[in-house]
Amino acid sequence: MKEKLPNSTASLVLGILSIVFCWCYAIPGIIMGVIGLILGNKAVKLHNANPDQYEGVGNAKTGKITAMIGLILTVLFSAYLFWMLSKIGWDALSDPELLQERMQELQNK
């Protein structure tokens, strides 16, 4: 009887969560994506070393893919966020009135 592959489900869950949390200013998406990718790689290597002993490699592979997607989305969102903040101006973050004024300027362009 085959054993369930350790960390394959955890990799899948973390990969999915990295996609969900990629919009939360990068930190949760990066953390979950990296951990999901590491766990997925370890699980796939363990399965490749003993393919007859373990089942569930599909979850590990899917976890790796979702973690990569989550990391890519997190990087893209972070780049967009920094680009937007550079357009608005970093000084506007501390002054709500200035922020509102600069946002209206961007909308009128």
N, C-alpha and C. Protein backbone atom coordinates (compact mmCIF):
# COMPACT_ATOMS: atom_id res chain seq x y z
N MET A 1 0.84 -1.18 0.00
CA MET A 1 0.00 0.00 0.00
C MET A 1 0.88 1.25 0.00
N LYS A 2 0.53 2.20 -0.85
CA LYS A 2 1.33 3.42 -0.98
C LYS A 2 0.97 4.42 0.12
N GLU A 3 2.00 5.12 0.56
CA GLU A 3 1.80 6.18 1.54
C GLU A 3 1.47 7.48 0.83
N LYS A 4 0.78 8.34 1.56
CA LYS A 4 0.49 9.68 1.02
C LYS A 4 1.80 10.49 1.06
N LEU A 5 2.06 11.18 -0.01
CA LEU A 5 3.30 11.97 -0.13
C LEU A 5 3.29 13.12 0.87
N PRO A 6 4.29 13.19 1.75
CA PRO A 6 4.32 14.28 2.74
C PRO A 6 4.44 15.65 2.06
N ASN A 7 3.74 16.60 2.61
CA ASN A 7 3.78 18.01 2.19
C ASN A 7 3.18 18.29 0.82
N SER A 8 2.61 17.31 0.16
CA SER A 8 2.02 17.59 -1.15
C SER A 8 0.77 18.44 -1.01
N THR A 9 -0.07 18.13 -0.03
CA THR A 9 -1.28 18.92 0.19
C THR A 9 -0.93 20.30 0.72
N ALA A 10 0.07 20.38 1.60
CA ALA A 10 0.50 21.68 2.13
C ALA A 10 1.02 22.57 1.01
N SER A 11 1.74 21.99 0.08
CA SER A 11 2.25 22.75 -1.06
C SER A 11 1.10 23.29 -1.90
N LEU A 12 0.10 22.46 -2.12
CA LEU A 12 -1.06 22.88 -2.91
C LEU A 12 -1.82 24.00 -2.20
N VAL A 13 -2.06 23.85 -0.91
CA VAL A 13 -2.79 24.86 -0.16
C VAL A 13 -2.02 26.18 -0.14
N LEU A 14 -0.71 26.13 0.11
CA LEU A 14 0.09 27.35 0.13
C LEU A 14 0.17 28.00 -1.25
N GLY A 15 0.21 27.19 -2.29
CA GLY A 15 0.21 27.74 -3.64
C GLY A 15 -1.08 28.49 -3.94
N ILE A 16 -2.20 27.91 -3.55
CA ILE A 16 -3.49 28.57 -3.76
C ILE A 16 -3.58 29.84 -2.93
N LEU A 17 -3.14 29.76 -1.67
CA LEU A 17 -3.17 30.95 -0.82
C LEU A 17 -2.25 32.06 -1.31
N SER A 18 -1.14 31.68 -1.95
CA SER A 18 -0.25 32.72 -2.50
C SER A 18 -0.94 33.49 -3.62
N ILE A 19 -1.79 32.81 -4.37
CA ILE A 19 -2.56 33.50 -5.41
C ILE A 19 -3.61 34.40 -4.77
N VAL A 20 -4.28 33.90 -3.74
CA VAL A 20 -5.32 34.67 -3.07
C VAL A 20 -4.73 35.92 -2.41
N PHE A 21 -3.58 35.77 -1.76
CA PHE A 21 -3.00 36.88 -1.00
C PHE A 21 -1.95 37.68 -1.77
N CYS A 22 -1.84 37.49 -3.06
CA CYS A 22 -0.86 38.26 -3.82
C CYS A 22 -1.21 39.74 -3.88
N TRP A 23 -2.45 40.10 -3.59
CA TRP A 23 -2.88 41.50 -3.63
C TRP A 23 -2.63 42.21 -2.31
N CYS A 24 -2.11 41.53 -1.32
CA CYS A 24 -1.93 42.10 0.03
C CYS A 24 -0.52 42.66 0.21
N TYR A 25 -0.13 43.55 -0.66
CA TYR A 25 1.15 44.26 -0.54
C TYR A 25 2.35 43.32 -0.48
N ALA A 26 2.30 42.25 -1.17
CA ALA A 26 3.40 41.36 -1.50
C ALA A 26 3.87 40.41 -0.41
N ILE A 27 3.92 40.82 0.83
CA ILE A 27 4.55 40.00 1.85
C ILE A 27 3.88 38.63 2.02
N PRO A 28 2.57 38.55 2.24
CA PRO A 28 1.96 37.21 2.40
C PRO A 28 2.08 36.35 1.14
N GLY A 29 1.91 36.96 -0.03
CA GLY A 29 2.00 36.20 -1.27
C GLY A 29 3.38 35.62 -1.50
N ILE A 30 4.40 36.41 -1.20
CA ILE A 30 5.78 35.93 -1.38
C ILE A 30 6.10 34.82 -0.39
N ILE A 31 5.73 35.02 0.87
CA ILE A 31 6.03 34.02 1.90
C ILE A 31 5.35 32.69 1.57
N MET A 32 4.06 32.74 1.28
CA MET A 32 3.33 31.50 1.00
C MET A 32 3.79 30.87 -0.30
N GLY A 33 4.10 31.68 -1.31
CA GLY A 33 4.57 31.15 -2.58
C GLY A 33 5.91 30.45 -2.46
N VAL A 34 6.83 31.07 -1.74
CA VAL A 34 8.16 30.46 -1.59
C VAL A 34 8.08 29.18 -0.79
N ILE A 35 7.34 29.20 0.32
CA ILE A 35 7.22 27.98 1.12
C ILE A 35 6.51 26.88 0.34
N GLY A 36 5.46 27.23 -0.39
CA GLY A 36 4.76 26.25 -1.22
C GLY A 36 5.65 25.66 -2.29
N LEU A 37 6.48 26.49 -2.90
CA LEU A 37 7.41 26.03 -3.93
C LEU A 37 8.46 25.09 -3.33
N ILE A 38 9.00 25.44 -2.18
CA ILE A 38 10.00 24.59 -1.52
C ILE A 38 9.39 23.24 -1.13
N LEU A 39 8.21 23.27 -0.50
CA LEU A 39 7.57 22.01 -0.10
C LEU A 39 7.22 21.15 -1.32
N GLY A 40 6.75 21.80 -2.39
CA GLY A 40 6.43 21.06 -3.60
C GLY A 40 7.65 20.41 -4.22
N ASN A 41 8.76 21.14 -4.26
CA ASN A 41 10.00 20.57 -4.80
C ASN A 41 10.48 19.38 -3.97
N LYS A 42 10.43 19.52 -2.65
CA LYS A 42 10.85 18.42 -1.79
C LYS A 42 9.96 17.20 -1.98
N ALA A 43 8.67 17.42 -2.10
CA ALA A 43 7.74 16.30 -2.27
C ALA A 43 7.97 15.60 -3.61
N VAL A 44 8.17 16.36 -4.66
CA VAL A 44 8.41 15.75 -5.98
C VAL A 44 9.73 14.97 -5.98
N LYS A 45 10.77 15.53 -5.34
CA LYS A 45 12.05 14.82 -5.27
C LYS A 45 11.91 13.53 -4.48
N LEU A 46 11.14 13.57 -3.39
CA LEU A 46 10.92 12.37 -2.59
C LEU A 46 10.16 11.32 -3.40
N HIS A 47 9.18 11.75 -4.16
CA HIS A 47 8.43 10.82 -5.01
C HIS A 47 9.32 10.24 -6.10
N ASN A 48 10.15 11.07 -6.71
CA ASN A 48 11.03 10.59 -7.78
C ASN A 48 12.06 9.59 -7.26
N ALA A 49 12.47 9.74 -5.99
CA ALA A 49 13.42 8.80 -5.41
C ALA A 49 12.77 7.45 -5.12
N ASN A 50 11.49 7.46 -4.72
CA ASN A 50 10.75 6.23 -4.39
C ASN A 50 9.36 6.28 -5.01
N PRO A 51 9.23 6.15 -6.33
CA PRO A 51 7.91 6.30 -6.95
C PRO A 51 6.90 5.23 -6.55
N ASP A 52 7.37 4.05 -6.16
CA ASP A 52 6.45 2.98 -5.79
C ASP A 52 5.94 3.11 -4.36
N GLN A 53 6.58 3.97 -3.57
CA GLN A 53 6.23 4.08 -2.15
C GLN A 53 5.18 5.16 -1.89
N TYR A 54 5.12 6.19 -2.74
CA TYR A 54 4.26 7.34 -2.45
C TYR A 54 3.23 7.57 -3.55
N GLU A 55 2.09 8.14 -3.12
CA GLU A 55 1.06 8.58 -4.05
C GLU A 55 0.75 10.05 -3.76
N GLY A 56 0.18 10.72 -4.71
CA GLY A 56 -0.20 12.12 -4.50
C GLY A 56 0.78 13.12 -5.07
N VAL A 57 1.57 12.69 -6.03
CA VAL A 57 2.55 13.62 -6.62
C VAL A 57 1.84 14.71 -7.42
N GLY A 58 0.63 14.45 -7.85
CA GLY A 58 -0.13 15.45 -8.60
C GLY A 58 -0.39 16.70 -7.77
N ASN A 59 -0.69 16.52 -6.48
CA ASN A 59 -0.90 17.66 -5.61
C ASN A 59 0.38 18.48 -5.46
N ALA A 60 1.51 17.80 -5.36
CA ALA A 60 2.78 18.50 -5.22
C ALA A 60 3.11 19.28 -6.48
N LYS A 61 2.90 18.68 -7.64
CA LYS A 61 3.17 19.38 -8.89
C LYS A 61 2.23 20.56 -9.08
N THR A 62 0.97 20.37 -8.74
CA THR A 62 0.00 21.46 -8.85
C THR A 62 0.34 22.56 -7.84
N GLY A 63 0.79 22.16 -6.66
CA GLY A 63 1.22 23.14 -5.66
C GLY A 63 2.39 23.98 -6.14
N LYS A 64 3.34 23.33 -6.80
CA LYS A 64 4.47 24.09 -7.36
C LYS A 64 4.00 25.09 -8.41
N ILE A 65 3.09 24.66 -9.27
CA ILE A 65 2.60 25.54 -10.33
C ILE A 65 1.82 26.71 -9.74
N THR A 66 0.93 26.43 -8.78
CA THR A 66 0.16 27.52 -8.19
C THR A 66 1.06 28.46 -7.40
N ALA A 67 2.07 27.94 -6.74
CA ALA A 67 3.02 28.80 -6.02
C ALA A 67 3.77 29.71 -6.99
N MET A 68 4.18 29.16 -8.13
CA MET A 68 4.86 29.99 -9.14
C MET A 68 3.93 31.08 -9.68
N ILE A 69 2.69 30.72 -9.94
CA ILE A 69 1.71 31.71 -10.42
C ILE A 69 1.51 32.79 -9.36
N GLY A 70 1.39 32.37 -8.10
CA GLY A 70 1.23 33.33 -7.02
C GLY A 70 2.42 34.27 -6.90
N LEU A 71 3.62 33.73 -7.04
CA LEU A 71 4.82 34.57 -6.98
C LEU A 71 4.87 35.56 -8.14
N ILE A 72 4.53 35.10 -9.33
CA ILE A 72 4.53 35.99 -10.50
C ILE A 72 3.50 37.09 -10.33
N LEU A 73 2.30 36.73 -9.89
CA LEU A 73 1.27 37.75 -9.68
C LEU A 73 1.68 38.74 -8.59
N THR A 74 2.33 38.25 -7.55
CA THR A 74 2.79 39.13 -6.47
C THR A 74 3.83 40.11 -6.99
N VAL A 75 4.76 39.64 -7.79
CA VAL A 75 5.78 40.53 -8.35
C VAL A 75 5.14 41.56 -9.29
N LEU A 76 4.22 41.12 -10.12
CA LEU A 76 3.56 42.06 -11.03
C LEU A 76 2.74 43.11 -10.27
N PHE A 77 2.00 42.67 -9.25
CA PHE A 77 1.22 43.62 -8.47
C PHE A 77 2.13 44.59 -7.72
N SER A 78 3.23 44.10 -7.18
CA SER A 78 4.17 44.97 -6.47
C SER A 78 4.78 45.99 -7.42
N ALA A 79 5.14 45.56 -8.61
CA ALA A 79 5.70 46.49 -9.60
C ALA A 79 4.67 47.56 -9.96
N TYR A 80 3.42 47.15 -10.14
CA TYR A 80 2.35 48.11 -10.43
C TYR A 80 2.16 49.08 -9.27
N LEU A 81 2.19 48.56 -8.07
CA LEU A 81 2.01 49.40 -6.89
C LEU A 81 3.13 50.44 -6.78
N PHE A 82 4.38 50.02 -6.98
CA PHE A 82 5.49 50.96 -6.91
C PHE A 82 5.42 51.97 -8.05
N TRP A 83 5.01 51.53 -9.23
CA TRP A 83 4.87 52.45 -10.35
C TRP A 83 3.81 53.51 -10.04
N MET A 84 2.69 53.05 -9.49
CA MET A 84 1.60 53.97 -9.16
C MET A 84 2.04 54.95 -8.07
N LEU A 85 2.75 54.46 -7.08
CA LEU A 85 3.22 55.34 -6.03
C LEU A 85 4.26 56.34 -6.54
N SER A 86 5.05 55.94 -7.52
CA SER A 86 6.01 56.89 -8.09
C SER A 86 5.30 57.97 -8.90
N LYS A 87 4.17 57.62 -9.51
CA LYS A 87 3.38 58.62 -10.25
C LYS A 87 2.72 59.60 -9.29
N ILE A 88 2.19 59.08 -8.19
CA ILE A 88 1.49 59.93 -7.22
C ILE A 88 2.49 60.74 -6.42
N GLY A 89 3.58 60.12 -6.06
CA GLY A 89 4.60 60.76 -5.23
C GLY A 89 4.59 60.17 -3.83
N TRP A 90 5.75 59.83 -3.37
CA TRP A 90 5.87 59.19 -2.07
C TRP A 90 5.46 60.13 -0.94
N ASP A 91 5.65 61.43 -1.14
CA ASP A 91 5.29 62.39 -0.09
C ASP A 91 3.78 62.47 0.13
N ALA A 92 3.01 62.09 -0.86
CA ALA A 92 1.56 62.16 -0.76
C ALA A 92 0.99 61.10 0.18
N LEU A 93 1.79 60.07 0.50
CA LEU A 93 1.29 59.02 1.38
C LEU A 93 1.04 59.53 2.80
N SER A 94 1.78 60.54 3.21
CA SER A 94 1.61 61.05 4.58
C SER A 94 0.60 62.18 4.68
N ASP A 95 0.12 62.67 3.53
CA ASP A 95 -0.83 63.79 3.53
C ASP A 95 -2.07 63.40 2.72
N PRO A 96 -3.17 63.08 3.39
CA PRO A 96 -4.37 62.61 2.67
C PRO A 96 -4.92 63.61 1.65
N GLU A 97 -4.84 64.91 1.97
CA GLU A 97 -5.34 65.92 1.04
C GLU A 97 -4.48 65.97 -0.23
N LEU A 98 -3.17 65.89 -0.05
CA LEU A 98 -2.26 65.88 -1.20
C LEU A 98 -2.47 64.62 -2.03
N LEU A 99 -2.69 63.51 -1.37
CA LEU A 99 -2.95 62.26 -2.08
C LEU A 99 -4.21 62.35 -2.92
N GLN A 100 -5.27 62.90 -2.35
CA GLN A 100 -6.52 63.05 -3.09
C GLN A 100 -6.33 64.00 -4.28
N GLU A 101 -5.58 65.06 -4.09
CA GLU A 101 -5.33 66.01 -5.18
C GLU A 101 -4.56 65.37 -6.31
N ARG A 102 -3.54 64.60 -5.98
CA ARG A 102 -2.71 63.94 -7.02
C ARG A 102 -3.50 62.83 -7.73
N MET A 103 -4.37 62.15 -7.01
CA MET A 103 -5.21 61.13 -7.65
C MET A 103 -6.16 61.77 -8.64
N GLN A 104 -6.72 62.95 -8.31
CA GLN A 104 -7.60 63.64 -9.23
C GLN A 104 -6.83 64.13 -10.45
N GLU A 105 -5.58 64.56 -10.26
CA GLU A 105 -4.74 64.97 -11.40
C GLU A 105 -4.53 63.81 -12.35
N LEU A 106 -4.28 62.63 -11.80
CA LEU A 106 -4.07 61.44 -12.64
C LEU A 106 -5.35 61.07 -13.40
N GLN A 107 -6.48 61.21 -12.75
CA GLN A 107 -7.74 60.86 -13.40
C GLN A 107 -8.09 61.85 -14.51
N ASN A 108 -7.68 63.10 -14.39
CA ASN A 108 -8.01 64.10 -15.39
C ASN A 108 -7.09 64.07 -16.60
N LYS A 109 -5.99 63.33 -16.52
CA LYS A 109 -5.06 63.27 -17.66
C LYS A 109 -5.61 62.42 -18.77
